[in-house]
Amino acid sequence: MSVVHHRTATVDGLDVFYREAGNPQAPAIVLLHGFPTSSHMFRNLIPKLADTHRVIAPDMIGFGQSAMPTVDEFDYSFDRLTDVTAALLQQLGVERYAVYVQDYGAPLAWRLATRSPESITGIITQNGNAYSDGFVRDFWDGLFTYADNPTAETEAPLRGALTLGTTRWQYVHGVQDTSLVSPDNWTVDQALLDRPGNDAIQLTLFRDYPSNVALYPQLHEYFRASQVPLLAVWGANDEIFGPDGARAFRRDLPDAEIHLLESGHFALESHLEEIAVHIRGFLARIPS
């Protein structure tokens, strides 16, 4: 079992928490978490990759154990969250790396890749969307309405996404055997969401989400030009990012390796071993 270190770096005056394991001289893989969680989602995956790779999993600003400045003190946008991530990797001396993305981690990785294509050796996406095909409209229509016209009326349904019921739903919906999913997940996530001021942070990021969709044409051009190796290990029963989002990668990356799993949004919780096998095989095949 590899030793996992829990560390904090100062980036632009902000504390950025990250988990790290493996030989610092080994090829790097960066794990980027989704909403509403943190690097906690990778706690069981990290040791399974650290024998062959340097594994780094940061918490985004406003999430997990990283700093949580108010919305008046920090520009909560996906561009700015990417800036902090890029600065952390530079500070850690990580110049080339594979990336594992889930949910919010995807738009950060897409920005990192389009800004510095030569840095990315491969992409692993687990319900990390890059195509409009992936949006399950029953979930997303309210967010896009709110982002387009943020009023008290359009905000109210989005506040429901910050409640314990919805947090738990993201973990257990679509999972055949929910006893595999630890309640610690939604208990930890909800405690962090409930911190005073965090609701304003999340609502700000909801309003910024269309900026990720606006990036898609540039991202798809990057895919076509680079033919970056890509592995999709996707919870097929996810009602946030549906399986068409996984299939769509082959539109621009014909050699993409796609596996649809009988799980939901946080497929690592129920399919850790299977996902780890796919990742290890993928990492062994791509250049570092």
C-alpha atoms as a PDB file:
ATOM      1  CA  MET A   1       0.000   0.000   0.000  1.00  0.00           C
ATOM      2  CA  SER A   2       1.475   3.345  -1.052  1.00  0.00           C
ATOM      3  CA  VAL A   3       1.812   6.139   1.474  1.00  0.00           C
ATOM      4  CA  VAL A   4      -0.481   9.111   0.781  1.00  0.00           C
ATOM      5  CA  HIS A   5       0.650  12.536   1.944  1.00  0.00           C
ATOM      6  CA  HIS A   6      -1.800  15.331   2.815  1.00  0.00           C
ATOM      7  CA  ARG A   7      -0.168  18.675   2.034  1.00  0.00           C
ATOM      8  CA  THR A   8      -0.928  22.353   1.659  1.00  0.00           C
ATOM      9  CA  ALA A   9       0.779  24.809  -0.698  1.00  0.00           C
ATOM     10  CA  THR A  10       0.396  28.573  -0.867  1.00  0.00           C
ATOM     11  CA  VAL A  11      -0.724  29.708  -4.318  1.00  0.00           C
ATOM     12  CA  ASP A  12      -1.442  33.382  -4.973  1.00  0.00           C
ATOM     13  CA  GLY A  13      -1.717  33.866  -1.221  1.00  0.00           C
ATOM     14  CA  LEU A  14      -4.270  31.046  -0.861  1.00  0.00           C
ATOM     15  CA  ASP A  15      -3.905  27.691   0.881  1.00  0.00           C
ATOM     16  CA  VAL A  16      -4.369  24.862  -1.620  1.00  0.00           C
ATOM     17  CA  PHE A  17      -4.721  21.418  -0.091  1.00  0.00           C
ATOM     18  CA  TYR A  18      -3.643  18.383  -2.103  1.00  0.00           C
ATOM     19  CA  ARG A  19      -3.076  14.665  -1.681  1.00  0.00           C
ATOM     20  CA  GLU A  20       0.130  13.259  -3.113  1.00  0.00           C
ATOM     21  CA  ALA A  21       1.599   9.794  -3.431  1.00  0.00           C
ATOM     22  CA  GLY A  22       4.195   7.937  -5.464  1.00  0.00           C
ATOM     23  CA  ASN A  23       7.728   8.582  -6.629  1.00  0.00           C
ATOM     24  CA  PRO A  24       8.241  12.271  -7.490  1.00  0.00           C
ATOM     25  CA  GLN A  25      10.358  11.158 -10.461  1.00  0.00           C
ATOM     26  CA  ALA A  26       7.614   8.909 -11.896  1.00  0.00           C
ATOM     27  CA  PRO A  27       5.208  10.004 -14.630  1.00  0.00           C
ATOM     28  CA  ALA A  28       2.526  12.239 -13.143  1.00  0.00           C
ATOM     29  CA  ILE A  29      -1.237  11.920 -13.069  1.00  0.00           C
ATOM     30  CA  VAL A  30      -3.407  14.746 -11.756  1.00  0.00           C
ATOM     31  CA  LEU A  31      -6.851  13.925 -10.344  1.00  0.00           C
ATOM     32  CA  LEU A  32      -9.433  16.730 -10.562  1.00  0.00           C
ATOM     33  CA  HIS A  33     -12.586  16.340  -8.481  1.00  0.00           C
ATOM     34  CA  GLY A  34     -16.169  17.342  -9.157  1.00  0.00           C
ATOM     35  CA  PHE A  35     -19.030  19.102  -7.371  1.00  0.00           C
ATOM     36  CA  PRO A  36     -19.819  19.015  -4.490  1.00  0.00           C
ATOM     37  CA  THR A  37     -16.861  16.978  -3.313  1.00  0.00           C
ATOM     38  CA  SER A  38     -13.073  17.294  -3.135  1.00  0.00           C
ATOM     39  CA  SER A  39      -9.965  15.136  -3.430  1.00  0.00           C
ATOM     40  CA  HIS A  40     -11.704  12.972  -0.826  1.00  0.00           C
ATOM     41  CA  MET A  41     -13.396  11.224  -3.773  1.00  0.00           C
ATOM     42  CA  PHE A  42      -9.974   9.842  -4.806  1.00  0.00           C
ATOM     43  CA  ARG A  43      -8.935   8.551  -1.366  1.00  0.00           C
ATOM     44  CA  ASN A  44      -9.190   4.885  -2.444  1.00  0.00           C
ATOM     45  CA  LEU A  45      -7.940   5.318  -6.016  1.00  0.00           C
ATOM     46  CA  ILE A  46      -4.694   7.126  -5.209  1.00  0.00           C
ATOM     47  CA  PRO A  47      -2.916   4.111  -3.639  1.00  0.00           C
ATOM     48  CA  LYS A  48      -3.847   1.955  -6.635  1.00  0.00           C
ATOM     49  CA  LEU A  49      -1.960   4.258  -9.022  1.00  0.00           C
ATOM     50  CA  ALA A  50       0.947   5.380  -6.885  1.00  0.00           C
ATOM     51  CA  ASP A  51       3.195   2.359  -7.479  1.00  0.00           C
ATOM     52  CA  THR A  52       3.779   3.485 -11.073  1.00  0.00           C
ATOM     53  CA  HIS A  53       2.889   7.214 -11.023  1.00  0.00           C
ATOM     54  CA  ARG A  54       3.261  10.381  -9.052  1.00  0.00           C
ATOM     55  CA  VAL A  55      -0.339  11.091  -8.106  1.00  0.00           C
ATOM     56  CA  ILE A  56      -1.533  14.600  -7.225  1.00  0.00           C
ATOM     57  CA  ALA A  57      -5.128  15.389  -6.256  1.00  0.00           C
ATOM     58  CA  PRO A  58      -5.831  19.010  -5.273  1.00  0.00           C
ATOM     59  CA  ASP A  59      -8.923  20.540  -3.710  1.00  0.00           C
ATOM     60  CA  MET A  60     -10.290  23.476  -5.696  1.00  0.00           C
ATOM     61  CA  ILE A  61     -10.554  26.831  -3.952  1.00  0.00           C
ATOM     62  CA  GLY A  62     -13.862  26.861  -2.081  1.00  0.00           C
ATOM     63  CA  PHE A  63     -13.917  23.065  -1.813  1.00  0.00           C
ATOM     64  CA  GLY A  64     -12.562  20.487   0.591  1.00  0.00           C
ATOM     65  CA  GLN A  65      -9.630  21.584   2.733  1.00  0.00           C
ATOM     66  CA  SER A  66      -8.463  24.403   0.459  1.00  0.00           C
ATOM     67  CA  ALA A  67      -9.041  28.060   1.281  1.00  0.00           C
ATOM     68  CA  MET A  68     -12.583  29.382   1.025  1.00  0.00           C
ATOM     69  CA  PRO A  69     -12.380  33.150   0.475  1.00  0.00           C
ATOM     70  CA  THR A  70     -15.699  34.925   0.046  1.00  0.00           C
ATOM     71  CA  VAL A  71     -17.108  35.811  -3.365  1.00  0.00           C
ATOM     72  CA  ASP A  72     -15.957  39.388  -2.724  1.00  0.00           C
ATOM     73  CA  GLU A  73     -12.390  38.240  -2.090  1.00  0.00           C
ATOM     74  CA  PHE A  74     -11.956  35.789  -4.971  1.00  0.00           C
ATOM     75  CA  ASP A  75     -13.274  35.544  -8.528  1.00  0.00           C
ATOM     76  CA  TYR A  76     -15.093  32.213  -8.454  1.00  0.00           C
ATOM     77  CA  SER A  77     -14.971  31.281 -12.122  1.00  0.00           C
ATOM     78  CA  PHE A  78     -13.738  28.189 -13.888  1.00  0.00           C
ATOM     79  CA  ASP A  79     -10.998  30.280 -15.491  1.00  0.00           C
ATOM     80  CA  ARG A  80      -9.735  31.404 -12.099  1.00  0.00           C
ATOM     81  CA  LEU A  81      -9.935  27.923 -10.567  1.00  0.00           C
ATOM     82  CA  THR A  82      -7.835  26.719 -13.503  1.00  0.00           C
ATOM     83  CA  ASP A  83      -5.284  29.483 -12.888  1.00  0.00           C
ATOM     84  CA  VAL A  84      -4.798  28.260  -9.324  1.00  0.00           C
ATOM     85  CA  THR A  85      -4.491  24.635 -10.429  1.00  0.00           C
ATOM     86  CA  ALA A  86      -1.928  25.525 -13.105  1.00  0.00           C
ATOM     87  CA  ALA A  87       0.085  27.557 -10.598  1.00  0.00           C
ATOM     88  CA  LEU A  88       0.056  24.670  -8.117  1.00  0.00           C
ATOM     89  CA  LEU A  89       1.336  22.232 -10.737  1.00  0.00           C
ATOM     90  CA  GLN A  90       4.062  24.675 -11.728  1.00  0.00           C
ATOM     91  CA  GLN A  91       5.064  25.061  -8.082  1.00  0.00           C
ATOM     92  CA  LEU A  92       5.242  21.265  -7.741  1.00  0.00           C
ATOM     93  CA  GLY A  93       7.380  20.964 -10.876  1.00  0.00           C
ATOM     94  CA  VAL A  94       4.760  19.034 -12.848  1.00  0.00           C
ATOM     95  CA  GLU A  95       5.241  19.850 -16.535  1.00  0.00           C
ATOM     96  CA  ARG A  96       3.733  16.799 -18.251  1.00  0.00           C
ATOM     97  CA  TYR A  97       0.937  14.705 -16.848  1.00  0.00           C
ATOM     98  CA  ALA A  98      -2.097  12.576 -17.492  1.00  0.00           C
ATOM     99  CA  VAL A  99      -5.316  13.897 -16.038  1.00  0.00           C
ATOM    100  CA  TYR A 100      -8.336  12.183 -14.481  1.00  0.00           C
ATOM    101  CA  VAL A 101     -11.452  14.353 -14.528  1.00  0.00           C
ATOM    102  CA  GLN A 102     -14.931  14.095 -13.044  1.00  0.00           C
ATOM    103  CA  ASP A 103     -17.738  16.671 -13.208  1.00  0.00           C
ATOM    104  CA  TYR A 104     -16.232  20.133 -12.378  1.00  0.00           C
ATOM    105  CA  GLY A 105     -12.753  18.705 -12.851  1.00  0.00           C
ATOM    106  CA  ALA A 106     -13.441  18.406 -16.574  1.00  0.00           C
ATOM    107  CA  PRO A 107     -13.730  22.134 -17.405  1.00  0.00           C
ATOM    108  CA  LEU A 108     -10.533  22.782 -15.469  1.00  0.00           C
ATOM    109  CA  ALA A 109      -8.706  20.079 -17.414  1.00  0.00           C
ATOM    110  CA  TRP A 110     -10.096  21.324 -20.738  1.00  0.00           C
ATOM    111  CA  ARG A 111      -8.674  24.767 -20.001  1.00  0.00           C
ATOM    112  CA  LEU A 112      -5.320  23.322 -18.959  1.00  0.00           C
ATOM    113  CA  ALA A 113      -5.215  21.275 -22.170  1.00  0.00           C
ATOM    114  CA  THR A 114      -6.192  24.068 -24.551  1.00  0.00           C
ATOM    115  CA  ARG A 115      -3.782  26.491 -22.873  1.00  0.00           C
ATOM    116  CA  SER A 116      -0.855  24.040 -22.912  1.00  0.00           C
ATOM    117  CA  PRO A 117      -1.554  21.055 -25.193  1.00  0.00           C
ATOM    118  CA  GLU A 118       1.982  19.722 -24.890  1.00  0.00           C
ATOM    119  CA  SER A 119       1.519  19.194 -21.149  1.00  0.00           C
ATOM    120  CA  ILE A 120      -1.219  16.560 -21.384  1.00  0.00           C
ATOM    121  CA  THR A 121      -0.109  12.968 -21.983  1.00  0.00           C
ATOM    122  CA  GLY A 122      -3.579  11.434 -21.702  1.00  0.00           C
ATOM    123  CA  ILE A 123      -7.097  12.029 -20.413  1.00  0.00           C
ATOM    124  CA  ILE A 124      -9.241   9.798 -18.222  1.00  0.00           C
ATOM    125  CA  THR A 125     -12.802  11.040 -17.937  1.00  0.00           C
ATOM    126  CA  GLN A 126     -15.285   9.618 -15.462  1.00  0.00           C
ATOM    127  CA  ASN A 127     -18.540  11.465 -16.090  1.00  0.00           C
ATOM    128  CA  GLY A 128     -16.537  14.527 -17.036  1.00  0.00           C
ATOM    129  CA  ASN A 129     -18.451  16.165 -19.863  1.00  0.00           C
ATOM    130  CA  ALA A 130     -17.094  17.748 -23.065  1.00  0.00           C
ATOM    131  CA  TYR A 131     -20.114  17.664 -25.401  1.00  0.00           C
ATOM    132  CA  SER A 132     -23.644  19.004 -25.265  1.00  0.00           C
ATOM    133  CA  ASP A 133     -24.774  15.419 -25.877  1.00  0.00           C
ATOM    134  CA  GLY A 134     -23.912  14.627 -22.268  1.00  0.00           C
ATOM    135  CA  PHE A 135     -26.277  17.062 -20.591  1.00  0.00           C
ATOM    136  CA  VAL A 136     -29.352  15.395 -19.107  1.00  0.00           C
ATOM    137  CA  ARG A 137     -31.854  18.199 -19.650  1.00  0.00           C
ATOM    138  CA  ASP A 138     -34.070  17.466 -16.663  1.00  0.00           C
ATOM    139  CA  PHE A 139     -31.071  18.271 -14.486  1.00  0.00           C
ATOM    140  CA  TRP A 140     -29.459  21.085 -16.473  1.00  0.00           C
ATOM    141  CA  ASP A 141     -32.312  23.214 -17.826  1.00  0.00           C
ATOM    142  CA  GLY A 142     -32.826  24.942 -14.482  1.00  0.00           C
ATOM    143  CA  LEU A 143     -29.131  25.805 -14.166  1.00  0.00           C
ATOM    144  CA  PHE A 144     -28.921  27.297 -17.636  1.00  0.00           C
ATOM    145  CA  THR A 145     -32.104  29.273 -17.007  1.00  0.00           C
ATOM    146  CA  TYR A 146     -30.609  30.634 -13.782  1.00  0.00           C
ATOM    147  CA  ALA A 147     -27.281  31.473 -15.447  1.00  0.00           C
ATOM    148  CA  ASP A 148     -29.099  33.315 -18.231  1.00  0.00           C
ATOM    149  CA  ASN A 149     -31.457  35.174 -15.884  1.00  0.00           C
ATOM    150  CA  PRO A 150     -30.353  35.064 -12.225  1.00  0.00           C
ATOM    151  CA  THR A 151     -33.349  36.084 -10.141  1.00  0.00           C
ATOM    152  CA  ALA A 152     -34.711  34.956  -6.793  1.00  0.00           C
ATOM    153  CA  GLU A 153     -37.235  32.838  -8.687  1.00  0.00           C
ATOM    154  CA  THR A 154     -34.689  31.070 -10.897  1.00  0.00           C
ATOM    155  CA  GLU A 155     -32.218  30.735  -8.008  1.00  0.00           C
ATOM    156  CA  ALA A 156     -34.595  28.891  -5.692  1.00  0.00           C
ATOM    157  CA  PRO A 157     -34.463  25.504  -7.515  1.00  0.00           C
ATOM    158  CA  LEU A 158     -30.660  25.707  -7.667  1.00  0.00           C
ATOM    159  CA  ARG A 159     -30.466  26.039  -3.908  1.00  0.00           C
ATOM    160  CA  GLY A 160     -31.977  22.572  -3.830  1.00  0.00           C
ATOM    161  CA  ALA A 161     -28.709  21.300  -5.330  1.00  0.00           C
ATOM    162  CA  LEU A 162     -26.973  22.379  -2.116  1.00  0.00           C
ATOM    163  CA  THR A 163     -29.089  20.237   0.206  1.00  0.00           C
ATOM    164  CA  LEU A 164     -28.293  16.913   1.842  1.00  0.00           C
ATOM    165  CA  GLY A 165     -30.968  15.100  -0.157  1.00  0.00           C
ATOM    166  CA  THR A 166     -29.424  16.121  -3.469  1.00  0.00           C
ATOM    167  CA  THR A 167     -25.879  15.470  -2.299  1.00  0.00           C
ATOM    168  CA  ARG A 168     -26.823  11.948  -1.260  1.00  0.00           C
ATOM    169  CA  TRP A 169     -28.754  11.432  -4.526  1.00  0.00           C
ATOM    170  CA  GLN A 170     -25.642  12.171  -6.556  1.00  0.00           C
ATOM    171  CA  TYR A 171     -23.853   9.295  -4.833  1.00  0.00           C
ATOM    172  CA  VAL A 172     -26.530   6.615  -4.781  1.00  0.00           C
ATOM    173  CA  HIS A 173     -28.720   7.259  -7.840  1.00  0.00           C
ATOM    174  CA  GLY A 174     -28.060   4.693 -10.545  1.00  0.00           C
ATOM    175  CA  VAL A 175     -26.023   2.443  -8.259  1.00  0.00           C
ATOM    176  CA  GLN A 176     -27.340  -1.116  -8.174  1.00  0.00           C
ATOM    177  CA  ASP A 177     -25.916  -1.966  -4.730  1.00  0.00           C
ATOM    178  CA  THR A 178     -26.000   1.212  -2.660  1.00  0.00           C
ATOM    179  CA  SER A 179     -24.425  -0.581   0.306  1.00  0.00           C
ATOM    180  CA  LEU A 180     -21.123  -0.146  -1.578  1.00  0.00           C
ATOM    181  CA  VAL A 181     -21.352   3.631  -1.162  1.00  0.00           C
ATOM    182  CA  SER A 182     -20.134   4.987   2.164  1.00  0.00           C
ATOM    183  CA  PRO A 183     -22.414   7.577   3.822  1.00  0.00           C
ATOM    184  CA  ASP A 184     -19.214   9.390   4.781  1.00  0.00           C
ATOM    185  CA  ASN A 185     -19.249  10.807   1.247  1.00  0.00           C
ATOM    186  CA  TRP A 186     -22.374  12.899   1.516  1.00  0.00           C
ATOM    187  CA  THR A 187     -21.824  13.613   5.210  1.00  0.00           C
ATOM    188  CA  VAL A 188     -18.398  15.157   4.522  1.00  0.00           C
ATOM    189  CA  ASP A 189     -19.517  16.975   1.369  1.00  0.00           C
ATOM    190  CA  GLN A 190     -22.596  18.425   3.017  1.00  0.00           C
ATOM    191  CA  ALA A 191     -20.682  19.671   6.040  1.00  0.00           C
ATOM    192  CA  LEU A 192     -18.438  21.633   3.677  1.00  0.00           C
ATOM    193  CA  LEU A 193     -21.345  22.911   1.573  1.00  0.00           C
ATOM    194  CA  ASP A 194     -23.056  24.134   4.749  1.00  0.00           C
ATOM    195  CA  ARG A 195     -20.176  26.408   5.760  1.00  0.00           C
ATOM    196  CA  PRO A 196     -21.349  30.047   5.974  1.00  0.00           C
ATOM    197  CA  GLY A 197     -20.832  31.719   2.600  1.00  0.00           C
ATOM    198  CA  ASN A 198     -20.312  28.540   0.606  1.00  0.00           C
ATOM    199  CA  ASP A 199     -23.780  28.789  -0.933  1.00  0.00           C
ATOM    200  CA  ALA A 200     -22.781  32.080  -2.569  1.00  0.00           C
ATOM    201  CA  ILE A 201     -19.658  30.414  -3.970  1.00  0.00           C
ATOM    202  CA  GLN A 202     -21.604  27.548  -5.506  1.00  0.00           C
ATOM    203  CA  LEU A 203     -24.256  29.816  -6.980  1.00  0.00           C
ATOM    204  CA  THR A 204     -21.528  31.956  -8.542  1.00  0.00           C
ATOM    205  CA  LEU A 205     -20.016  28.884 -10.188  1.00  0.00           C
ATOM    206  CA  PHE A 206     -23.471  27.798 -11.385  1.00  0.00           C
ATOM    207  CA  ARG A 207     -23.816  31.159 -13.140  1.00  0.00           C
ATOM    208  CA  ASP A 208     -20.388  30.706 -14.739  1.00  0.00           C
ATOM    209  CA  TYR A 209     -21.058  27.186 -16.014  1.00  0.00           C
ATOM    210  CA  PRO A 210     -22.077  28.292 -19.554  1.00  0.00           C
ATOM    211  CA  SER A 211     -18.477  29.467 -20.030  1.00  0.00           C
ATOM    212  CA  ASN A 212     -17.540  25.783 -20.134  1.00  0.00           C
ATOM    213  CA  VAL A 213     -19.971  25.080 -22.963  1.00  0.00           C
ATOM    214  CA  ALA A 214     -18.615  28.100 -24.850  1.00  0.00           C
ATOM    215  CA  LEU A 215     -15.186  26.445 -24.694  1.00  0.00           C
ATOM    216  CA  TYR A 216     -16.363  23.240 -26.367  1.00  0.00           C
ATOM    217  CA  PRO A 217     -15.592  24.227 -30.009  1.00  0.00           C
ATOM    218  CA  GLN A 218     -12.000  25.092 -29.072  1.00  0.00           C
ATOM    219  CA  LEU A 219     -11.743  21.907 -27.041  1.00  0.00           C
ATOM    220  CA  HIS A 220     -12.999  19.751 -29.905  1.00  0.00           C
ATOM    221  CA  GLU A 221     -10.441  21.340 -32.208  1.00  0.00           C
ATOM    222  CA  TYR A 222      -7.770  20.451 -29.645  1.00  0.00           C
ATOM    223  CA  PHE A 223      -8.999  16.850 -29.642  1.00  0.00           C
ATOM    224  CA  ARG A 224      -8.912  16.645 -33.442  1.00  0.00           C
ATOM    225  CA  ALA A 225      -5.491  18.251 -33.742  1.00  0.00           C
ATOM    226  CA  SER A 226      -3.788  16.381 -30.912  1.00  0.00           C
ATOM    227  CA  GLN A 227      -5.539  12.988 -30.970  1.00  0.00           C
ATOM    228  CA  VAL A 228      -4.723  12.878 -27.282  1.00  0.00           C
ATOM    229  CA  PRO A 229      -5.206   9.376 -25.809  1.00  0.00           C
ATOM    230  CA  LEU A 230      -8.522   9.270 -23.958  1.00  0.00           C
ATOM    231  CA  LEU A 231     -10.178   6.730 -21.684  1.00  0.00           C
ATOM    232  CA  ALA A 232     -13.816   7.184 -20.644  1.00  0.00           C
ATOM    233  CA  VAL A 233     -14.967   5.138 -17.642  1.00  0.00           C
ATOM    234  CA  TRP A 234     -18.511   6.385 -17.247  1.00  0.00           C
ATOM    235  CA  GLY A 235     -21.393   5.673 -14.921  1.00  0.00           C
ATOM    236  CA  ALA A 236     -24.040   4.876 -17.526  1.00  0.00           C
ATOM    237  CA  ASN A 237     -26.944   5.548 -15.146  1.00  0.00           C
ATOM    238  CA  ASP A 238     -25.840   9.100 -14.331  1.00  0.00           C
ATOM    239  CA  GLU A 239     -28.739  11.542 -14.719  1.00  0.00           C
ATOM    240  CA  ILE A 240     -26.421  14.551 -14.677  1.00  0.00           C
ATOM    241  CA  PHE A 241     -24.022  13.595 -17.473  1.00  0.00           C
ATOM    242  CA  GLY A 242     -25.579  10.779 -19.466  1.00  0.00           C
ATOM    243  CA  PRO A 243     -23.772   8.072 -21.453  1.00  0.00           C
ATOM    244  CA  ASP A 244     -24.123   9.981 -24.733  1.00  0.00           C
ATOM    245  CA  GLY A 245     -21.496  12.292 -23.280  1.00  0.00           C
ATOM    246  CA  ALA A 246     -19.049   9.390 -23.190  1.00  0.00           C
ATOM    247  CA  ARG A 247     -19.876   8.174 -26.679  1.00  0.00           C
ATOM    248  CA  ALA A 248     -19.449  11.674 -28.103  1.00  0.00           C
ATOM    249  CA  PHE A 249     -15.674  11.639 -27.547  1.00  0.00           C
ATOM    250  CA  ARG A 250     -15.307   9.298 -30.529  1.00  0.00           C
ATOM    251  CA  ARG A 251     -16.616  12.062 -32.770  1.00  0.00           C
ATOM    252  CA  ASP A 252     -13.239  13.802 -32.499  1.00  0.00           C
ATOM    253  CA  LEU A 253     -11.109  11.015 -31.008  1.00  0.00           C
ATOM    254  CA  PRO A 254     -11.952   7.856 -32.991  1.00  0.00           C
ATOM    255  CA  ASP A 255      -9.528   5.764 -30.928  1.00  0.00           C
ATOM    256  CA  ALA A 256     -11.034   6.771 -27.584  1.00  0.00           C
ATOM    257  CA  GLU A 257     -11.470   3.825 -25.220  1.00  0.00           C
ATOM    258  CA  ILE A 258     -14.973   3.903 -23.722  1.00  0.00           C
ATOM    259  CA  HIS A 259     -16.399   1.773 -20.926  1.00  0.00           C
ATOM    260  CA  LEU A 260     -19.970   2.284 -19.699  1.00  0.00           C
ATOM    261  CA  LEU A 261     -20.420   1.000 -16.159  1.00  0.00           C
ATOM    262  CA  GLU A 262     -23.610   0.064 -14.311  1.00  0.00           C
ATOM    263  CA  SER A 263     -23.230   2.944 -11.902  1.00  0.00           C
ATOM    264  CA  GLY A 264     -24.058   6.615 -11.430  1.00  0.00           C
ATOM    265  CA  HIS A 265     -22.355   9.986 -11.135  1.00  0.00           C
ATOM    266  CA  PHE A 266     -19.682   8.903  -8.635  1.00  0.00           C
ATOM    267  CA  ALA A 267     -18.841   5.540 -10.201  1.00  0.00           C
ATOM    268  CA  LEU A 268     -15.602   5.212  -8.230  1.00  0.00           C
ATOM    269  CA  GLU A 269     -17.652   4.410  -5.145  1.00  0.00           C
ATOM    270  CA  SER A 270     -19.153   1.239  -6.630  1.00  0.00           C
ATOM    271  CA  HIS A 271     -16.640   0.313  -9.353  1.00  0.00           C
ATOM    272  CA  LEU A 272     -13.248   1.252  -7.906  1.00  0.00           C
ATOM    273  CA  GLU A 273     -11.483  -1.997  -8.805  1.00  0.00           C
ATOM    274  CA  GLU A 274     -12.787  -2.093 -12.379  1.00  0.00           C
ATOM    275  CA  ILE A 275     -11.967   1.560 -12.991  1.00  0.00           C
ATOM    276  CA  ALA A 276      -8.488   1.149 -11.510  1.00  0.00           C
ATOM    277  CA  VAL A 277      -7.762  -1.781 -13.848  1.00  0.00           C
ATOM    278  CA  HIS A 278      -8.840   0.267 -16.879  1.00  0.00           C
ATOM    279  CA  ILE A 279      -6.733   3.232 -15.755  1.00  0.00           C
ATOM    280  CA  ARG A 280      -3.612   1.195 -15.081  1.00  0.00           C
ATOM    281  CA  GLY A 281      -3.861  -0.454 -18.488  1.00  0.00           C
ATOM    282  CA  PHE A 282      -4.420   2.906 -20.177  1.00  0.00           C
ATOM    283  CA  LEU A 283      -1.501   4.581 -18.399  1.00  0.00           C
ATOM    284  CA  ALA A 284       0.787   1.695 -19.339  1.00  0.00           C
ATOM    285  CA  ARG A 285      -0.050   2.202 -23.019  1.00  0.00           C
ATOM    286  CA  ILE A 286       0.400   5.954 -23.351  1.00  0.00           C
ATOM    287  CA  PRO A 287       3.698   7.829 -23.617  1.00  0.00           C
ATOM    288  CA  SER A 288       4.808   9.735 -20.533  1.00  0.00           C
END
